[in-house]
């Protein structure tokens, strides 16, 4: 698996350096809800693959970052997990969809015991599944929740750190990455669905 080759390649994703954490006035939001087809695709993939939606969306975020900004590993603060989680941002040619999801699963399961990225910079990204309210600590926050039967994706970003076009491109790439992961990944051997076949 080629994902491991990026374990020592930290990636900074912000367009500009900011001297301090963002304040409310520094934040802007791009709302990019998944349509009903993609929301259903995520639900179906969660069941079929035996992987949590949170893990699928984190994997899609890694692909979106690789396509928009570059390849490497970013530290992501994930709601409900202690410490930053290393997220491999690799193109589809370097890891299969199944490998990508397995790597995300391992990173979340390892939590704070996961190996640290060499010279790990502070986490620029906060990822929250099922929580819409933004915080005030990260340059980029992806807040995912359900409303009106759809999966809502709110991209909150520090306008001092990111150009709007960068965040718009991330928001456009994530659904494409989601389609790629959900259509190409296969169930993990230890999931109920895989055992049943």
N, C-alpha and C. Protein backbone atom coordinates (compact mmCIF):
# COMPACT_ATOMS: atom_id res chain seq x y z
N UNK A 1 0.85 -1.18 0.00
CA UNK A 1 0.00 0.00 0.00
C UNK A 1 0.89 1.24 0.00
N UNK A 2 0.63 2.15 -0.91
CA UNK A 2 1.49 3.31 -1.08
C UNK A 2 1.18 4.46 -0.14
N UNK A 3 0.05 4.41 0.58
CA UNK A 3 -0.29 5.50 1.51
C UNK A 3 0.82 5.70 2.52
N UNK A 4 1.42 4.63 2.99
CA UNK A 4 2.45 4.72 4.02
C UNK A 4 3.64 5.55 3.58
N UNK A 5 3.88 5.65 2.29
CA UNK A 5 5.00 6.42 1.79
C UNK A 5 4.89 7.90 2.07
N UNK A 6 3.70 8.37 2.41
CA UNK A 6 3.52 9.79 2.68
C UNK A 6 3.54 10.11 4.16
N UNK A 7 3.83 9.10 5.01
CA UNK A 7 3.76 9.29 6.46
C UNK A 7 4.69 10.37 6.97
N UNK A 8 5.75 10.67 6.25
CA UNK A 8 6.69 11.71 6.70
C UNK A 8 6.61 12.95 5.83
N UNK A 9 5.53 13.11 5.09
CA UNK A 9 5.37 14.28 4.21
C UNK A 9 4.23 15.16 4.69
N UNK A 10 4.48 15.98 5.74
CA UNK A 10 3.39 16.84 6.21
C UNK A 10 3.01 17.86 5.14
N UNK A 11 1.74 18.18 5.09
CA UNK A 11 1.22 19.09 4.09
C UNK A 11 0.52 20.25 4.78
N UNK A 12 0.89 21.45 4.43
CA UNK A 12 0.18 22.64 4.89
C UNK A 12 -0.86 22.98 3.84
N UNK A 13 -2.07 23.27 4.25
CA UNK A 13 -3.12 23.48 3.25
C UNK A 13 -3.55 24.93 3.10
N UNK A 14 -3.24 25.78 4.07
CA UNK A 14 -3.68 27.18 4.00
C UNK A 14 -2.94 27.91 2.88
N UNK A 15 -3.64 28.85 2.27
CA UNK A 15 -3.03 29.69 1.24
C UNK A 15 -2.09 30.73 1.85
N UNK A 16 -2.42 31.18 3.07
CA UNK A 16 -1.66 32.25 3.72
C UNK A 16 -1.50 31.92 5.21
N UNK A 17 -0.44 32.40 5.81
CA UNK A 17 -0.22 32.23 7.24
C UNK A 17 -1.00 33.31 8.00
N UNK A 18 -1.63 32.90 9.08
CA UNK A 18 -2.31 33.85 9.97
C UNK A 18 -1.59 33.81 11.31
N UNK A 19 -1.41 34.96 11.93
CA UNK A 19 -0.64 35.05 13.17
C UNK A 19 -1.39 34.51 14.38
N UNK A 20 -2.71 34.41 14.29
CA UNK A 20 -3.50 33.98 15.45
C UNK A 20 -4.69 33.16 14.99
N UNK A 21 -5.34 32.54 15.96
CA UNK A 21 -6.56 31.78 15.66
C UNK A 21 -7.64 32.74 15.15
N UNK A 22 -8.52 32.25 14.30
CA UNK A 22 -9.55 33.14 13.76
C UNK A 22 -10.56 33.57 14.82
N UNK A 23 -11.07 34.76 14.66
CA UNK A 23 -12.18 35.27 15.46
C UNK A 23 -13.44 35.18 14.61
N UNK A 24 -14.58 35.39 15.21
CA UNK A 24 -15.85 35.27 14.48
C UNK A 24 -15.85 36.12 13.21
N UNK A 25 -15.32 37.32 13.28
CA UNK A 25 -15.32 38.22 12.12
C UNK A 25 -14.42 37.72 11.00
N UNK A 26 -13.50 36.81 11.30
CA UNK A 26 -12.58 36.29 10.29
C UNK A 26 -13.17 35.12 9.50
N UNK A 27 -14.29 34.56 9.97
CA UNK A 27 -14.83 33.34 9.38
C UNK A 27 -15.85 33.62 8.28
N UNK A 28 -15.80 32.77 7.26
CA UNK A 28 -16.80 32.77 6.20
C UNK A 28 -17.24 31.33 5.99
N UNK A 29 -18.40 31.15 5.39
CA UNK A 29 -18.94 29.80 5.21
C UNK A 29 -19.35 29.58 3.77
N UNK A 30 -19.04 28.38 3.28
CA UNK A 30 -19.57 27.92 2.00
C UNK A 30 -20.41 26.68 2.30
N UNK A 31 -21.69 26.76 2.02
CA UNK A 31 -22.59 25.62 2.23
C UNK A 31 -22.62 24.81 0.94
N UNK A 32 -22.38 23.51 1.06
CA UNK A 32 -22.34 22.63 -0.11
C UNK A 32 -23.03 21.31 0.21
N UNK A 33 -24.36 21.33 0.35
CA UNK A 33 -25.07 20.09 0.71
C UNK A 33 -24.97 19.05 -0.40
N UNK A 34 -24.95 17.79 0.02
CA UNK A 34 -25.02 16.71 -0.95
C UNK A 34 -26.47 16.61 -1.42
N UNK A 35 -26.67 16.33 -2.70
CA UNK A 35 -28.04 16.15 -3.17
C UNK A 35 -28.60 14.83 -2.65
N UNK A 36 -29.86 14.57 -2.93
CA UNK A 36 -30.51 13.37 -2.39
C UNK A 36 -29.84 12.09 -2.89
N UNK A 37 -29.35 12.09 -4.12
CA UNK A 37 -28.68 10.90 -4.66
C UNK A 37 -27.39 10.62 -3.91
N UNK A 38 -26.57 11.64 -3.69
CA UNK A 38 -25.30 11.44 -2.98
C UNK A 38 -25.52 11.14 -1.50
N UNK A 39 -26.54 11.75 -0.91
CA UNK A 39 -26.85 11.44 0.49
C UNK A 39 -27.24 9.96 0.63
N UNK A 40 -28.04 9.47 -0.32
CA UNK A 40 -28.43 8.06 -0.31
C UNK A 40 -27.23 7.16 -0.61
N UNK A 41 -26.35 7.62 -1.50
CA UNK A 41 -25.14 6.85 -1.83
C UNK A 41 -24.26 6.68 -0.58
N UNK A 42 -24.13 7.73 0.20
CA UNK A 42 -23.35 7.66 1.44
C UNK A 42 -23.98 6.66 2.41
N UNK A 43 -25.28 6.73 2.57
CA UNK A 43 -25.97 5.79 3.47
C UNK A 43 -25.81 4.35 3.00
N UNK A 44 -25.96 4.14 1.70
CA UNK A 44 -25.81 2.79 1.16
C UNK A 44 -24.40 2.26 1.31
N UNK A 45 -23.42 3.12 1.09
CA UNK A 45 -22.01 2.71 1.22
C UNK A 45 -21.68 2.38 2.67
N UNK A 46 -22.24 3.14 3.59
CA UNK A 46 -22.00 2.87 5.01
C UNK A 46 -22.47 1.46 5.35
N UNK A 47 -23.64 1.10 4.86
CA UNK A 47 -24.18 -0.24 5.12
C UNK A 47 -23.38 -1.31 4.37
N UNK A 48 -23.17 -1.11 3.07
CA UNK A 48 -22.52 -2.13 2.24
C UNK A 48 -21.07 -2.37 2.64
N UNK A 49 -20.34 -1.28 2.87
CA UNK A 49 -18.91 -1.41 3.18
C UNK A 49 -18.65 -1.73 4.65
N UNK A 50 -19.65 -1.51 5.50
CA UNK A 50 -19.44 -1.73 6.92
C UNK A 50 -18.50 -0.71 7.54
N UNK A 51 -18.51 0.50 6.98
CA UNK A 51 -17.64 1.59 7.42
C UNK A 51 -18.54 2.76 7.80
N UNK A 52 -18.18 3.46 8.87
CA UNK A 52 -18.97 4.61 9.30
C UNK A 52 -18.93 5.72 8.25
N UNK A 53 -20.04 6.46 8.15
CA UNK A 53 -20.11 7.58 7.21
C UNK A 53 -18.99 8.59 7.49
N UNK A 54 -18.67 8.79 8.76
CA UNK A 54 -17.60 9.70 9.15
C UNK A 54 -16.28 9.30 8.47
N UNK A 55 -15.99 8.00 8.43
CA UNK A 55 -14.75 7.52 7.82
C UNK A 55 -14.77 7.70 6.31
N UNK A 56 -15.92 7.47 5.69
CA UNK A 56 -16.03 7.65 4.25
C UNK A 56 -15.82 9.12 3.89
N UNK A 57 -16.44 10.01 4.66
CA UNK A 57 -16.31 11.44 4.39
C UNK A 57 -14.89 11.94 4.65
N UNK A 58 -14.23 11.42 5.67
CA UNK A 58 -12.82 11.78 5.91
C UNK A 58 -11.94 11.31 4.75
N UNK A 59 -12.19 10.10 4.27
CA UNK A 59 -11.44 9.62 3.11
C UNK A 59 -11.66 10.50 1.89
N UNK A 60 -12.91 10.93 1.69
CA UNK A 60 -13.22 11.82 0.57
C UNK A 60 -12.53 13.17 0.75
N UNK A 61 -12.46 13.65 1.99
CA UNK A 61 -11.75 14.90 2.26
C UNK A 61 -10.28 14.77 1.87
N UNK A 62 -9.66 13.64 2.22
CA UNK A 62 -8.26 13.43 1.84
C UNK A 62 -8.05 13.47 0.34
N UNK A 63 -8.95 12.82 -0.41
CA UNK A 63 -8.86 12.85 -1.87
C UNK A 63 -9.07 14.27 -2.40
N UNK A 64 -10.04 14.99 -1.84
CA UNK A 64 -10.31 16.36 -2.28
C UNK A 64 -9.11 17.26 -2.04
N UNK A 65 -8.46 17.11 -0.89
CA UNK A 65 -7.27 17.91 -0.60
C UNK A 65 -6.15 17.57 -1.58
N UNK A 66 -5.95 16.28 -1.86
CA UNK A 66 -4.90 15.87 -2.81
C UNK A 66 -5.13 16.49 -4.17
N UNK A 67 -6.36 16.52 -4.63
CA UNK A 67 -6.69 17.06 -5.95
C UNK A 67 -6.60 18.58 -6.01
N UNK A 68 -6.91 19.23 -4.89
CA UNK A 68 -6.98 20.69 -4.87
C UNK A 68 -5.66 21.34 -4.46
N UNK A 69 -4.99 20.77 -3.46
CA UNK A 69 -3.82 21.42 -2.87
C UNK A 69 -2.54 20.65 -3.11
N UNK A 70 -2.60 19.34 -2.98
CA UNK A 70 -1.41 18.51 -3.16
C UNK A 70 -1.46 17.28 -2.28
N UNK A 71 -0.47 16.43 -2.45
CA UNK A 71 -0.42 15.17 -1.72
C UNK A 71 0.48 15.27 -0.50
N UNK A 72 0.17 14.49 0.49
CA UNK A 72 0.92 14.45 1.74
C UNK A 72 0.01 14.03 2.86
N UNK A 73 0.37 14.39 4.07
CA UNK A 73 -0.44 14.04 5.24
C UNK A 73 -0.77 15.32 5.99
N UNK A 74 -2.05 15.47 6.33
CA UNK A 74 -2.47 16.61 7.14
C UNK A 74 -2.98 16.10 8.48
N UNK A 75 -2.80 16.91 9.50
CA UNK A 75 -3.36 16.60 10.81
C UNK A 75 -4.76 17.17 10.86
N UNK A 76 -5.71 16.34 11.28
CA UNK A 76 -7.11 16.77 11.35
C UNK A 76 -7.61 16.52 12.77
N UNK A 77 -8.14 17.55 13.39
CA UNK A 77 -8.82 17.37 14.67
C UNK A 77 -10.23 16.90 14.36
N UNK A 78 -10.58 15.72 14.82
CA UNK A 78 -11.87 15.10 14.54
C UNK A 78 -12.72 15.13 15.80
N UNK A 79 -13.93 15.66 15.69
CA UNK A 79 -14.83 15.72 16.84
C UNK A 79 -15.02 14.33 17.42
N UNK A 80 -14.93 14.25 18.74
CA UNK A 80 -15.11 12.97 19.42
C UNK A 80 -13.84 12.15 19.55
N UNK A 81 -12.73 12.66 19.04
CA UNK A 81 -11.45 11.95 19.14
C UNK A 81 -10.44 12.86 19.82
N UNK A 82 -9.60 12.29 20.66
CA UNK A 82 -8.57 13.08 21.34
C UNK A 82 -7.36 13.18 20.45
N UNK A 83 -6.85 14.37 20.30
CA UNK A 83 -5.65 14.58 19.51
C UNK A 83 -5.94 14.58 18.02
N UNK A 84 -4.98 15.07 17.28
CA UNK A 84 -5.12 15.15 15.83
C UNK A 84 -4.93 13.77 15.21
N UNK A 85 -5.64 13.54 14.12
CA UNK A 85 -5.58 12.29 13.38
C UNK A 85 -4.84 12.56 12.07
N UNK A 86 -3.84 11.74 11.72
CA UNK A 86 -3.15 11.94 10.44
C UNK A 86 -4.03 11.46 9.30
N UNK A 87 -4.27 12.33 8.33
CA UNK A 87 -5.09 11.99 7.16
C UNK A 87 -4.21 12.01 5.92
N UNK A 88 -4.08 10.84 5.29
CA UNK A 88 -3.30 10.75 4.05
C UNK A 88 -4.10 11.36 2.92
N UNK A 89 -3.50 12.32 2.24
CA UNK A 89 -4.12 12.97 1.10
C UNK A 89 -3.39 12.48 -0.14
N UNK A 90 -3.94 11.45 -0.76
CA UNK A 90 -3.29 10.83 -1.91
C UNK A 90 -4.27 10.74 -3.06
N UNK A 91 -3.73 10.77 -4.26
CA UNK A 91 -4.58 10.64 -5.44
C UNK A 91 -4.99 9.19 -5.60
N UNK A 92 -5.99 8.99 -6.43
CA UNK A 92 -6.51 7.64 -6.65
C UNK A 92 -5.46 6.70 -7.22
N UNK A 93 -4.48 7.23 -7.92
CA UNK A 93 -3.44 6.38 -8.51
C UNK A 93 -2.47 5.82 -7.49
N UNK A 94 -2.42 6.40 -6.29
CA UNK A 94 -1.47 5.94 -5.27
C UNK A 94 -2.09 5.01 -4.25
N UNK A 95 -3.39 4.98 -4.15
CA UNK A 95 -4.06 4.10 -3.20
C UNK A 95 -5.45 3.77 -3.74
N UNK A 96 -5.87 2.54 -3.55
CA UNK A 96 -7.22 2.18 -3.96
C UNK A 96 -8.23 2.79 -2.99
N UNK A 97 -9.47 2.79 -3.40
CA UNK A 97 -10.52 3.30 -2.52
C UNK A 97 -10.58 2.48 -1.23
N UNK A 98 -10.42 1.18 -1.35
CA UNK A 98 -10.45 0.30 -0.17
C UNK A 98 -9.28 0.61 0.75
N UNK A 99 -8.09 0.83 0.20
CA UNK A 99 -6.92 1.18 1.01
C UNK A 99 -7.11 2.52 1.71
N UNK A 100 -7.70 3.47 1.00
CA UNK A 100 -7.94 4.79 1.59
C UNK A 100 -8.86 4.68 2.80
N UNK A 101 -9.96 3.96 2.66
CA UNK A 101 -10.89 3.81 3.78
C UNK A 101 -10.27 3.03 4.93
N UNK A 102 -9.47 2.02 4.62
CA UNK A 102 -8.80 1.24 5.67
C UNK A 102 -7.82 2.12 6.44
N UNK A 103 -7.10 3.00 5.73
CA UNK A 103 -6.14 3.89 6.38
C UNK A 103 -6.86 4.88 7.31
N UNK A 104 -7.99 5.41 6.86
CA UNK A 104 -8.77 6.32 7.71
C UNK A 104 -9.26 5.58 8.95
N UNK A 105 -9.78 4.38 8.75
CA UNK A 105 -10.27 3.59 9.89
C UNK A 105 -9.16 3.35 10.91
N UNK A 106 -7.99 2.96 10.44
CA UNK A 106 -6.86 2.71 11.35
C UNK A 106 -6.44 3.98 12.07
N UNK A 107 -6.41 5.10 11.37
CA UNK A 107 -6.00 6.37 11.99
C UNK A 107 -6.98 6.77 13.09
N UNK A 108 -8.27 6.61 12.84
CA UNK A 108 -9.26 6.95 13.87
C UNK A 108 -9.21 5.98 15.03
N UNK A 109 -9.00 4.70 14.74
CA UNK A 109 -8.94 3.70 15.80
C UNK A 109 -7.70 3.89 16.68
N UNK A 110 -6.59 4.31 16.06
CA UNK A 110 -5.35 4.50 16.81
C UNK A 110 -5.42 5.72 17.71
N UNK A 111 -6.16 6.73 17.29
CA UNK A 111 -6.29 7.95 18.08
C UNK A 111 -4.95 8.57 18.40
N UNK A 112 -4.75 8.90 19.67
CA UNK A 112 -3.51 9.58 20.07
C UNK A 112 -2.31 8.66 20.03
N UNK A 113 -2.52 7.33 19.89
CA UNK A 113 -1.37 6.43 19.80
C UNK A 113 -0.84 6.32 18.38
N UNK A 114 -1.50 6.98 17.42
CA UNK A 114 -1.04 6.92 16.03
C UNK A 114 0.33 7.58 15.92
N UNK A 115 1.19 7.06 15.02
CA UNK A 115 2.50 7.68 14.84
C UNK A 115 2.34 9.13 14.40
N UNK A 116 3.17 9.98 14.93
CA UNK A 116 3.11 11.39 14.59
C UNK A 116 3.86 11.64 13.29
N UNK A 117 3.36 12.59 12.54
CA UNK A 117 4.02 12.99 11.30
C UNK A 117 5.27 13.78 11.68
N UNK A 118 6.35 13.56 10.95
CA UNK A 118 7.59 14.29 11.22
C UNK A 118 7.32 15.79 11.17
N UNK A 119 7.81 16.50 12.16
CA UNK A 119 7.65 17.96 12.24
C UNK A 119 6.18 18.35 12.05
N UNK A 120 5.30 17.71 12.77
CA UNK A 120 3.87 17.93 12.62
C UNK A 120 3.50 19.37 12.94
N UNK A 121 2.93 20.10 11.96
CA UNK A 121 2.45 21.44 12.25
C UNK A 121 1.12 21.35 13.00
N UNK A 122 0.71 22.42 13.66
CA UNK A 122 -0.60 22.39 14.32
C UNK A 122 -1.69 22.08 13.29
N UNK A 123 -2.73 21.43 13.75
CA UNK A 123 -3.81 21.07 12.84
C UNK A 123 -4.51 22.31 12.30
N UNK A 124 -4.63 22.37 10.99
CA UNK A 124 -5.33 23.47 10.34
C UNK A 124 -6.80 23.14 10.12
N UNK A 125 -7.15 21.86 10.28
CA UNK A 125 -8.49 21.38 9.92
C UNK A 125 -9.22 20.80 11.12
N UNK A 126 -10.49 21.13 11.21
CA UNK A 126 -11.38 20.49 12.19
C UNK A 126 -12.50 19.82 11.40
N UNK A 127 -12.79 18.57 11.73
CA UNK A 127 -13.82 17.79 11.04
C UNK A 127 -14.86 17.36 12.05
N UNK A 128 -16.10 17.69 11.80
CA UNK A 128 -17.18 17.31 12.72
C UNK A 128 -18.33 16.72 11.93
N UNK A 129 -18.73 15.51 12.30
CA UNK A 129 -19.87 14.84 11.69
C UNK A 129 -21.04 14.96 12.65
N UNK A 130 -22.14 15.50 12.19
CA UNK A 130 -23.37 15.69 12.97
C UNK A 130 -23.30 16.87 13.93
N UNK A 131 -22.55 17.90 13.58
CA UNK A 131 -22.51 19.12 14.41
C UNK A 131 -22.34 20.34 13.51
N UNK A 132 -23.36 21.21 13.42
CA UNK A 132 -23.29 22.33 12.48
C UNK A 132 -22.59 23.60 12.96
N UNK A 133 -22.41 23.77 14.27
CA UNK A 133 -21.90 25.05 14.77
C UNK A 133 -20.38 25.15 14.63
N UNK A 134 -19.89 26.26 14.08
CA UNK A 134 -18.44 26.42 13.91
C UNK A 134 -17.75 26.76 15.22
N UNK A 135 -16.48 26.41 15.30
CA UNK A 135 -15.65 26.81 16.43
C UNK A 135 -14.84 28.02 16.03
N UNK A 136 -13.83 28.33 16.80
CA UNK A 136 -13.02 29.50 16.49
C UNK A 136 -11.53 29.19 16.58
N UNK A 137 -11.12 27.97 16.25
CA UNK A 137 -9.73 27.62 16.47
C UNK A 137 -8.97 27.25 15.21
N UNK A 138 -9.64 26.73 14.22
CA UNK A 138 -8.96 26.17 13.04
C UNK A 138 -9.14 27.06 11.82
N UNK A 139 -8.17 26.96 10.92
CA UNK A 139 -8.25 27.74 9.68
C UNK A 139 -9.35 27.22 8.77
N UNK A 140 -9.63 25.90 8.86
CA UNK A 140 -10.67 25.29 8.03
C UNK A 140 -11.47 24.31 8.88
N UNK A 141 -12.78 24.44 8.85
CA UNK A 141 -13.65 23.51 9.57
C UNK A 141 -14.68 22.96 8.61
N UNK A 142 -14.75 21.64 8.54
CA UNK A 142 -15.79 20.99 7.75
C UNK A 142 -16.81 20.44 8.73
N UNK A 143 -17.98 21.05 8.73
CA UNK A 143 -19.07 20.66 9.63
C UNK A 143 -20.11 19.92 8.81
N UNK A 144 -20.35 18.66 9.17
CA UNK A 144 -21.27 17.82 8.41
C UNK A 144 -22.41 17.41 9.34
N UNK A 145 -23.62 17.53 8.85
CA UNK A 145 -24.80 17.18 9.63
C UNK A 145 -25.95 16.90 8.67
N UNK A 146 -27.03 16.38 9.20
CA UNK A 146 -28.20 16.09 8.37
C UNK A 146 -29.30 17.11 8.66
N UNK A 147 -29.92 17.57 7.57
CA UNK A 147 -31.06 18.49 7.67
C UNK A 147 -31.90 18.31 6.42
N UNK A 148 -33.19 18.32 6.59
CA UNK A 148 -34.13 18.18 5.47
C UNK A 148 -33.85 16.93 4.65
N UNK A 149 -33.41 15.86 5.31
CA UNK A 149 -33.16 14.60 4.63
C UNK A 149 -31.88 14.53 3.83
N UNK A 150 -31.08 15.59 3.87
CA UNK A 150 -29.83 15.63 3.10
C UNK A 150 -28.63 15.75 4.02
N UNK A 151 -27.49 15.33 3.52
CA UNK A 151 -26.23 15.53 4.22
C UNK A 151 -25.74 16.93 3.87
N UNK A 152 -25.62 17.76 4.90
CA UNK A 152 -25.18 19.14 4.72
C UNK A 152 -23.68 19.23 4.99
N UNK A 153 -22.96 19.92 4.14
CA UNK A 153 -21.53 20.16 4.34
C UNK A 153 -21.31 21.66 4.41
N UNK A 154 -20.92 22.14 5.57
CA UNK A 154 -20.60 23.56 5.76
C UNK A 154 -19.10 23.70 5.89
N UNK A 155 -18.51 24.43 4.99
CA UNK A 155 -17.07 24.69 5.00
C UNK A 155 -16.86 26.06 5.63
N UNK A 156 -16.44 26.10 6.88
CA UNK A 156 -16.10 27.35 7.56
C UNK A 156 -14.60 27.56 7.40
N UNK A 157 -14.20 28.77 7.02
CA UNK A 157 -12.78 29.01 6.82
C UNK A 157 -12.38 30.40 7.27
N UNK A 158 -11.13 30.50 7.66
CA UNK A 158 -10.53 31.76 8.07
C UNK A 158 -10.16 32.51 6.80
N UNK A 159 -10.79 33.65 6.58
CA UNK A 159 -10.55 34.41 5.35
C UNK A 159 -9.14 34.98 5.29
N UNK A 160 -8.45 35.02 6.42
CA UNK A 160 -7.05 35.46 6.40
C UNK A 160 -6.13 34.34 5.92
N UNK A 161 -6.58 33.09 6.05
CA UNK A 161 -5.75 31.93 5.72
C UNK A 161 -6.05 31.33 4.36
N UNK A 162 -7.29 31.43 3.92
CA UNK A 162 -7.70 30.79 2.67
C UNK A 162 -8.32 31.78 1.70
N UNK A 163 -7.97 31.63 0.43
CA UNK A 163 -8.69 32.31 -0.63
C UNK A 163 -10.01 31.57 -0.83
N UNK A 164 -11.07 32.28 -1.10
CA UNK A 164 -12.38 31.65 -1.27
C UNK A 164 -12.34 30.58 -2.36
N UNK A 165 -11.58 30.83 -3.43
CA UNK A 165 -11.52 29.88 -4.55
C UNK A 165 -10.98 28.52 -4.11
N UNK A 166 -10.05 28.50 -3.18
CA UNK A 166 -9.49 27.24 -2.69
C UNK A 166 -10.57 26.42 -1.99
N UNK A 167 -11.33 27.08 -1.13
CA UNK A 167 -12.38 26.37 -0.38
C UNK A 167 -13.51 25.95 -1.33
N UNK A 168 -13.83 26.79 -2.31
CA UNK A 168 -14.84 26.41 -3.30
C UNK A 168 -14.40 25.16 -4.06
N UNK A 169 -13.13 25.08 -4.42
CA UNK A 169 -12.62 23.91 -5.14
C UNK A 169 -12.67 22.67 -4.25
N UNK A 170 -12.31 22.80 -2.98
CA UNK A 170 -12.44 21.67 -2.05
C UNK A 170 -13.89 21.21 -1.97
N UNK A 171 -14.81 22.17 -1.89
CA UNK A 171 -16.23 21.84 -1.79
C UNK A 171 -16.73 21.15 -3.06
N UNK A 172 -16.18 21.50 -4.22
CA UNK A 172 -16.56 20.85 -5.47
C UNK A 172 -15.93 19.47 -5.60
N UNK A 173 -14.72 19.30 -5.11
CA UNK A 173 -14.01 18.02 -5.25
C UNK A 173 -14.51 16.96 -4.29
N UNK A 174 -14.98 17.34 -3.11
CA UNK A 174 -15.38 16.33 -2.12
C UNK A 174 -16.50 15.41 -2.63
N UNK A 175 -17.57 15.91 -3.24
CA UNK A 175 -18.59 14.99 -3.75
C UNK A 175 -18.05 14.04 -4.83
N UNK A 176 -17.15 14.53 -5.67
CA UNK A 176 -16.55 13.66 -6.69
C UNK A 176 -15.71 12.57 -6.04
N UNK A 177 -14.98 12.93 -5.01
CA UNK A 177 -14.18 11.95 -4.27
C UNK A 177 -15.08 10.95 -3.55
N UNK A 178 -16.20 11.43 -3.05
CA UNK A 178 -17.16 10.56 -2.38
C UNK A 178 -17.71 9.52 -3.35
N UNK A 179 -18.06 9.95 -4.55
CA UNK A 179 -18.54 9.01 -5.57
C UNK A 179 -17.48 7.97 -5.87
N UNK A 180 -16.25 8.42 -6.02
CA UNK A 180 -15.15 7.50 -6.32
C UNK A 180 -14.97 6.46 -5.22
N UNK A 181 -14.95 6.90 -3.98
CA UNK A 181 -14.77 5.97 -2.86
C UNK A 181 -15.93 4.99 -2.74
N UNK A 182 -17.15 5.50 -2.82
CA UNK A 182 -18.31 4.63 -2.60
C UNK A 182 -18.53 3.66 -3.75
N UNK A 183 -18.10 4.02 -4.95
CA UNK A 183 -18.31 3.12 -6.08
C UNK A 183 -17.18 2.12 -6.27
N UNK A 184 -15.98 2.43 -5.77
CA UNK A 184 -14.83 1.56 -6.02
C UNK A 184 -14.38 0.74 -4.82
N UNK A 185 -14.74 1.14 -3.62
CA UNK A 185 -14.29 0.40 -2.43
C UNK A 185 -15.04 -0.92 -2.30
N UNK A 186 -14.38 -1.87 -1.69
CA UNK A 186 -15.00 -3.17 -1.41
C UNK A 186 -15.10 -3.34 0.10
N UNK A 187 -16.05 -4.16 0.56
CA UNK A 187 -16.20 -4.36 2.01
C UNK A 187 -14.93 -4.90 2.63
N UNK A 188 -14.67 -4.47 3.86
CA UNK A 188 -13.52 -4.97 4.60
C UNK A 188 -13.80 -6.40 5.04
N UNK A 189 -12.78 -7.26 5.11
CA UNK A 189 -12.99 -8.67 5.43
C UNK A 189 -13.69 -8.92 6.76
N UNK A 190 -13.54 -8.03 7.73
CA UNK A 190 -14.13 -8.28 9.04
C UNK A 190 -15.51 -7.66 9.23
N UNK A 191 -16.10 -7.11 8.17
CA UNK A 191 -17.43 -6.53 8.30
C UNK A 191 -18.49 -7.60 8.09
N UNK A 192 -19.67 -7.39 8.64
CA UNK A 192 -20.75 -8.36 8.52
C UNK A 192 -21.11 -8.61 7.06
N UNK A 193 -21.16 -7.57 6.26
CA UNK A 193 -21.59 -7.73 4.88
C UNK A 193 -20.59 -8.58 4.10
N UNK A 194 -19.28 -8.39 4.38
CA UNK A 194 -18.27 -9.18 3.67
C UNK A 194 -18.31 -10.63 4.12
N UNK A 195 -18.53 -10.86 5.41
CA UNK A 195 -18.57 -12.22 5.93
C UNK A 195 -19.77 -12.97 5.36
N UNK A 196 -20.87 -12.24 5.10
CA UNK A 196 -22.08 -12.87 4.60
C UNK A 196 -22.00 -13.28 3.15
N UNK A 197 -20.98 -12.86 2.40
CA UNK A 197 -20.88 -13.20 0.97
C UNK A 197 -19.92 -14.31 0.72
